[in-house]
Amino acid sequence: MRYRILLDTHALRDFQDIPEPYHTSIKEKFERLKEGFLPDLDIRKLKGFKNTYRLRVGDYRIIFELNPDYEIIVIGIRPRKTAYR
């Protein structure tokens, strides 16, 4: 089953602020993430949260929540230095 990826307003704003060269690699990661948690994707569960994960894309981190009805809600796309604040 394929996942649906939804971006909340903060994540969409973050994506628009990212420099253009990263847009392609982030879009590619979104397409791969639709297939599920593949072993070659660098996904880690965030400590202290129930269903929150991060996906590494170069110097950026995609923070997302996993819903039981095959939805992934992206809540932030930030540089590594500020992603976990």
N, C-alpha and C. Protein backbone atom coordinates (compact mmCIF):
# COMPACT_ATOMS: atom_id res chain seq x y z
N MET A 1 0.84 -1.18 0.00
CA MET A 1 0.00 0.00 0.00
C MET A 1 0.88 1.24 0.00
N ARG A 2 0.54 2.20 -0.81
CA ARG A 2 1.29 3.45 -0.89
C ARG A 2 0.80 4.45 0.14
N TYR A 3 1.73 5.23 0.66
CA TYR A 3 1.40 6.28 1.60
C TYR A 3 1.04 7.56 0.85
N ARG A 4 0.17 8.36 1.44
CA ARG A 4 -0.11 9.70 0.94
C ARG A 4 0.72 10.66 1.75
N ILE A 5 1.36 11.61 1.08
CA ILE A 5 2.19 12.59 1.77
C ILE A 5 1.49 13.94 1.74
N LEU A 6 1.27 14.49 2.91
CA LEU A 6 0.62 15.79 3.06
C LEU A 6 1.58 16.74 3.76
N LEU A 7 1.68 17.97 3.26
CA LEU A 7 2.52 18.98 3.89
C LEU A 7 1.63 19.97 4.62
N ASP A 8 1.93 20.23 5.89
CA ASP A 8 1.17 21.27 6.57
C ASP A 8 1.72 22.63 6.16
N THR A 9 1.09 23.70 6.60
CA THR A 9 1.46 25.04 6.13
C THR A 9 2.89 25.41 6.49
N HIS A 10 3.36 24.98 7.66
CA HIS A 10 4.74 25.29 8.06
C HIS A 10 5.74 24.57 7.16
N ALA A 11 5.46 23.32 6.84
CA ALA A 11 6.36 22.56 5.98
C ALA A 11 6.39 23.13 4.57
N LEU A 12 5.25 23.58 4.08
CA LEU A 12 5.20 24.17 2.74
C LEU A 12 6.00 25.47 2.71
N ARG A 13 5.89 26.25 3.75
CA ARG A 13 6.67 27.50 3.84
C ARG A 13 8.16 27.18 3.94
N ASP A 14 8.51 26.16 4.72
CA ASP A 14 9.91 25.74 4.83
C ASP A 14 10.45 25.31 3.47
N PHE A 15 9.65 24.55 2.72
CA PHE A 15 10.08 24.05 1.42
C PHE A 15 10.33 25.21 0.45
N GLN A 16 9.50 26.22 0.49
CA GLN A 16 9.67 27.36 -0.40
C GLN A 16 10.90 28.18 -0.04
N ASP A 17 11.34 28.13 1.21
CA ASP A 17 12.52 28.90 1.64
C ASP A 17 13.84 28.18 1.37
N ILE A 18 13.78 26.91 1.03
CA ILE A 18 14.99 26.12 0.79
C ILE A 18 15.58 26.49 -0.57
N PRO A 19 16.92 26.55 -0.69
CA PRO A 19 17.54 26.84 -1.98
C PRO A 19 17.14 25.81 -3.05
N GLU A 20 17.06 26.26 -4.27
CA GLU A 20 16.56 25.46 -5.39
C GLU A 20 17.26 24.11 -5.60
N PRO A 21 18.58 24.00 -5.47
CA PRO A 21 19.21 22.69 -5.72
C PRO A 21 18.69 21.56 -4.82
N TYR A 22 18.21 21.90 -3.64
CA TYR A 22 17.70 20.87 -2.73
C TYR A 22 16.28 20.42 -3.07
N HIS A 23 15.55 21.22 -3.83
CA HIS A 23 14.16 20.87 -4.16
C HIS A 23 14.06 19.52 -4.86
N THR A 24 14.94 19.27 -5.80
CA THR A 24 14.90 18.02 -6.55
C THR A 24 15.14 16.82 -5.65
N SER A 25 16.16 16.90 -4.80
CA SER A 25 16.46 15.75 -3.94
C SER A 25 15.36 15.54 -2.90
N ILE A 26 14.74 16.61 -2.41
CA ILE A 26 13.65 16.45 -1.45
C ILE A 26 12.43 15.82 -2.12
N LYS A 27 12.13 16.25 -3.34
CA LYS A 27 11.01 15.65 -4.07
C LYS A 27 11.25 14.17 -4.35
N GLU A 28 12.49 13.81 -4.67
CA GLU A 28 12.83 12.40 -4.89
C GLU A 28 12.63 11.59 -3.62
N LYS A 29 13.02 12.14 -2.48
CA LYS A 29 12.83 11.44 -1.20
C LYS A 29 11.35 11.27 -0.89
N PHE A 30 10.54 12.28 -1.21
CA PHE A 30 9.09 12.15 -1.01
C PHE A 30 8.53 11.01 -1.85
N GLU A 31 8.97 10.89 -3.09
CA GLU A 31 8.49 9.80 -3.96
C GLU A 31 8.90 8.43 -3.41
N ARG A 32 10.12 8.33 -2.90
CA ARG A 32 10.58 7.07 -2.32
C ARG A 32 9.85 6.76 -1.02
N LEU A 33 9.53 7.80 -0.25
CA LEU A 33 8.83 7.63 1.02
C LEU A 33 7.40 7.14 0.80
N LYS A 34 6.81 7.46 -0.33
CA LYS A 34 5.45 6.98 -0.65
C LYS A 34 5.40 5.46 -0.68
N GLU A 35 6.52 4.83 -1.01
CA GLU A 35 6.58 3.37 -1.08
C GLU A 35 6.67 2.72 0.30
N GLY A 36 6.98 3.50 1.31
CA GLY A 36 7.09 2.97 2.67
C GLY A 36 8.47 3.24 3.24
N PHE A 37 8.74 2.65 4.37
CA PHE A 37 10.00 2.83 5.06
C PHE A 37 11.04 1.88 4.47
N LEU A 38 11.61 2.25 3.35
CA LEU A 38 12.61 1.42 2.69
C LEU A 38 13.92 1.47 3.47
N PRO A 39 14.68 0.37 3.46
CA PRO A 39 15.91 0.33 4.26
C PRO A 39 16.96 1.36 3.86
N ASP A 40 16.99 1.77 2.59
CA ASP A 40 18.03 2.70 2.16
C ASP A 40 17.68 4.16 2.47
N LEU A 41 16.46 4.44 2.90
CA LEU A 41 16.11 5.78 3.37
C LEU A 41 16.63 5.94 4.79
N ASP A 42 17.18 7.08 5.09
CA ASP A 42 17.74 7.32 6.43
C ASP A 42 16.64 7.89 7.32
N ILE A 43 15.79 7.00 7.86
CA ILE A 43 14.67 7.40 8.69
C ILE A 43 14.93 6.95 10.13
N ARG A 44 14.70 7.85 11.06
CA ARG A 44 14.86 7.53 12.48
C ARG A 44 13.64 8.04 13.24
N LYS A 45 13.25 7.31 14.26
CA LYS A 45 12.16 7.75 15.13
C LYS A 45 12.72 8.77 16.10
N LEU A 46 11.97 9.83 16.34
CA LEU A 46 12.42 10.85 17.29
C LEU A 46 12.04 10.45 18.70
N LYS A 47 12.98 10.54 19.60
CA LYS A 47 12.73 10.18 20.99
C LYS A 47 11.78 11.19 21.63
N GLY A 48 10.91 10.69 22.49
CA GLY A 48 10.00 11.55 23.20
C GLY A 48 8.71 11.84 22.47
N PHE A 49 8.56 11.31 21.26
CA PHE A 49 7.35 11.50 20.47
C PHE A 49 6.79 10.14 20.09
N LYS A 50 5.48 10.06 19.93
CA LYS A 50 4.85 8.78 19.68
C LYS A 50 5.01 8.32 18.22
N ASN A 51 4.62 9.12 17.27
CA ASN A 51 4.67 8.73 15.85
C ASN A 51 5.41 9.75 15.01
N THR A 52 6.48 10.31 15.51
CA THR A 52 7.22 11.34 14.79
C THR A 52 8.58 10.79 14.38
N TYR A 53 8.93 11.04 13.11
CA TYR A 53 10.16 10.53 12.52
C TYR A 53 10.88 11.65 11.80
N ARG A 54 12.14 11.39 11.46
CA ARG A 54 12.89 12.32 10.64
C ARG A 54 13.51 11.56 9.48
N LEU A 55 13.60 12.25 8.35
CA LEU A 55 14.22 11.72 7.14
C LEU A 55 15.34 12.67 6.77
N ARG A 56 16.53 12.15 6.59
CA ARG A 56 17.70 12.97 6.27
C ARG A 56 17.82 13.15 4.77
N VAL A 57 17.98 14.41 4.35
CA VAL A 57 18.24 14.75 2.95
C VAL A 57 19.39 15.75 2.94
N GLY A 58 20.60 15.26 2.84
CA GLY A 58 21.77 16.13 2.88
C GLY A 58 21.85 16.86 4.21
N ASP A 59 21.90 18.20 4.14
CA ASP A 59 21.97 19.01 5.35
C ASP A 59 20.60 19.33 5.92
N TYR A 60 19.54 18.83 5.29
CA TYR A 60 18.19 19.12 5.72
C TYR A 60 17.54 17.89 6.36
N ARG A 61 16.57 18.15 7.23
CA ARG A 61 15.82 17.08 7.87
C ARG A 61 14.33 17.31 7.61
N ILE A 62 13.66 16.25 7.19
CA ILE A 62 12.22 16.28 6.99
C ILE A 62 11.61 15.63 8.23
N ILE A 63 10.85 16.39 8.98
CA ILE A 63 10.20 15.89 10.19
C ILE A 63 8.76 15.56 9.83
N PHE A 64 8.33 14.32 10.12
CA PHE A 64 6.98 13.92 9.74
C PHE A 64 6.35 13.03 10.78
N GLU A 65 5.01 12.99 10.72
CA GLU A 65 4.23 12.11 11.60
C GLU A 65 3.58 11.05 10.74
N LEU A 66 3.48 9.86 11.29
CA LEU A 66 2.89 8.73 10.58
C LEU A 66 1.51 8.45 11.16
N ASN A 67 0.49 8.50 10.30
CA ASN A 67 -0.88 8.20 10.71
C ASN A 67 -1.23 6.76 10.35
N PRO A 68 -2.11 6.11 11.11
CA PRO A 68 -2.43 4.70 10.83
C PRO A 68 -3.16 4.47 9.51
N ASP A 69 -3.75 5.50 8.92
CA ASP A 69 -4.49 5.30 7.67
C ASP A 69 -3.61 5.61 6.45
N TYR A 70 -2.33 5.25 6.51
CA TYR A 70 -1.37 5.38 5.41
C TYR A 70 -1.21 6.82 4.96
N GLU A 71 -1.12 7.73 5.91
CA GLU A 71 -0.84 9.13 5.62
C GLU A 71 0.42 9.54 6.35
N ILE A 72 1.26 10.28 5.65
CA ILE A 72 2.44 10.87 6.24
C ILE A 72 2.24 12.38 6.20
N ILE A 73 2.27 13.01 7.37
CA ILE A 73 2.08 14.45 7.45
C ILE A 73 3.43 15.09 7.76
N VAL A 74 3.94 15.83 6.80
CA VAL A 74 5.22 16.51 6.97
C VAL A 74 4.97 17.78 7.77
N ILE A 75 5.66 17.91 8.89
CA ILE A 75 5.45 19.06 9.76
C ILE A 75 6.60 20.06 9.70
N GLY A 76 7.70 19.70 9.04
CA GLY A 76 8.81 20.63 8.91
C GLY A 76 9.90 20.12 8.00
N ILE A 77 10.55 21.04 7.29
CA ILE A 77 11.73 20.74 6.47
C ILE A 77 12.73 21.81 6.83
N ARG A 78 13.72 21.44 7.61
CA ARG A 78 14.63 22.45 8.16
C ARG A 78 16.08 22.00 8.05
N PRO A 79 17.02 22.96 8.14
CA PRO A 79 18.43 22.60 8.23
C PRO A 79 18.69 21.82 9.51
N ARG A 80 19.68 20.98 9.49
CA ARG A 80 19.97 20.12 10.61
C ARG A 80 20.16 20.90 11.92
N LYS A 81 20.78 22.04 11.83
CA LYS A 81 21.07 22.83 13.05
C LYS A 81 19.81 23.29 13.78
N THR A 82 18.73 23.54 13.05
CA THR A 82 17.52 24.06 13.67
C THR A 82 16.35 23.08 13.64
N ALA A 83 16.54 21.91 13.11
CA ALA A 83 15.42 20.98 12.90
C ALA A 83 14.82 20.44 14.19
N TYR A 84 15.61 20.29 15.22
CA TYR A 84 15.13 19.61 16.42
C TYR A 84 14.75 20.57 17.55
N ARG A 85 14.63 21.84 17.25
CA ARG A 85 14.27 22.83 18.27
C ARG A 85 12.80 23.04 18.31
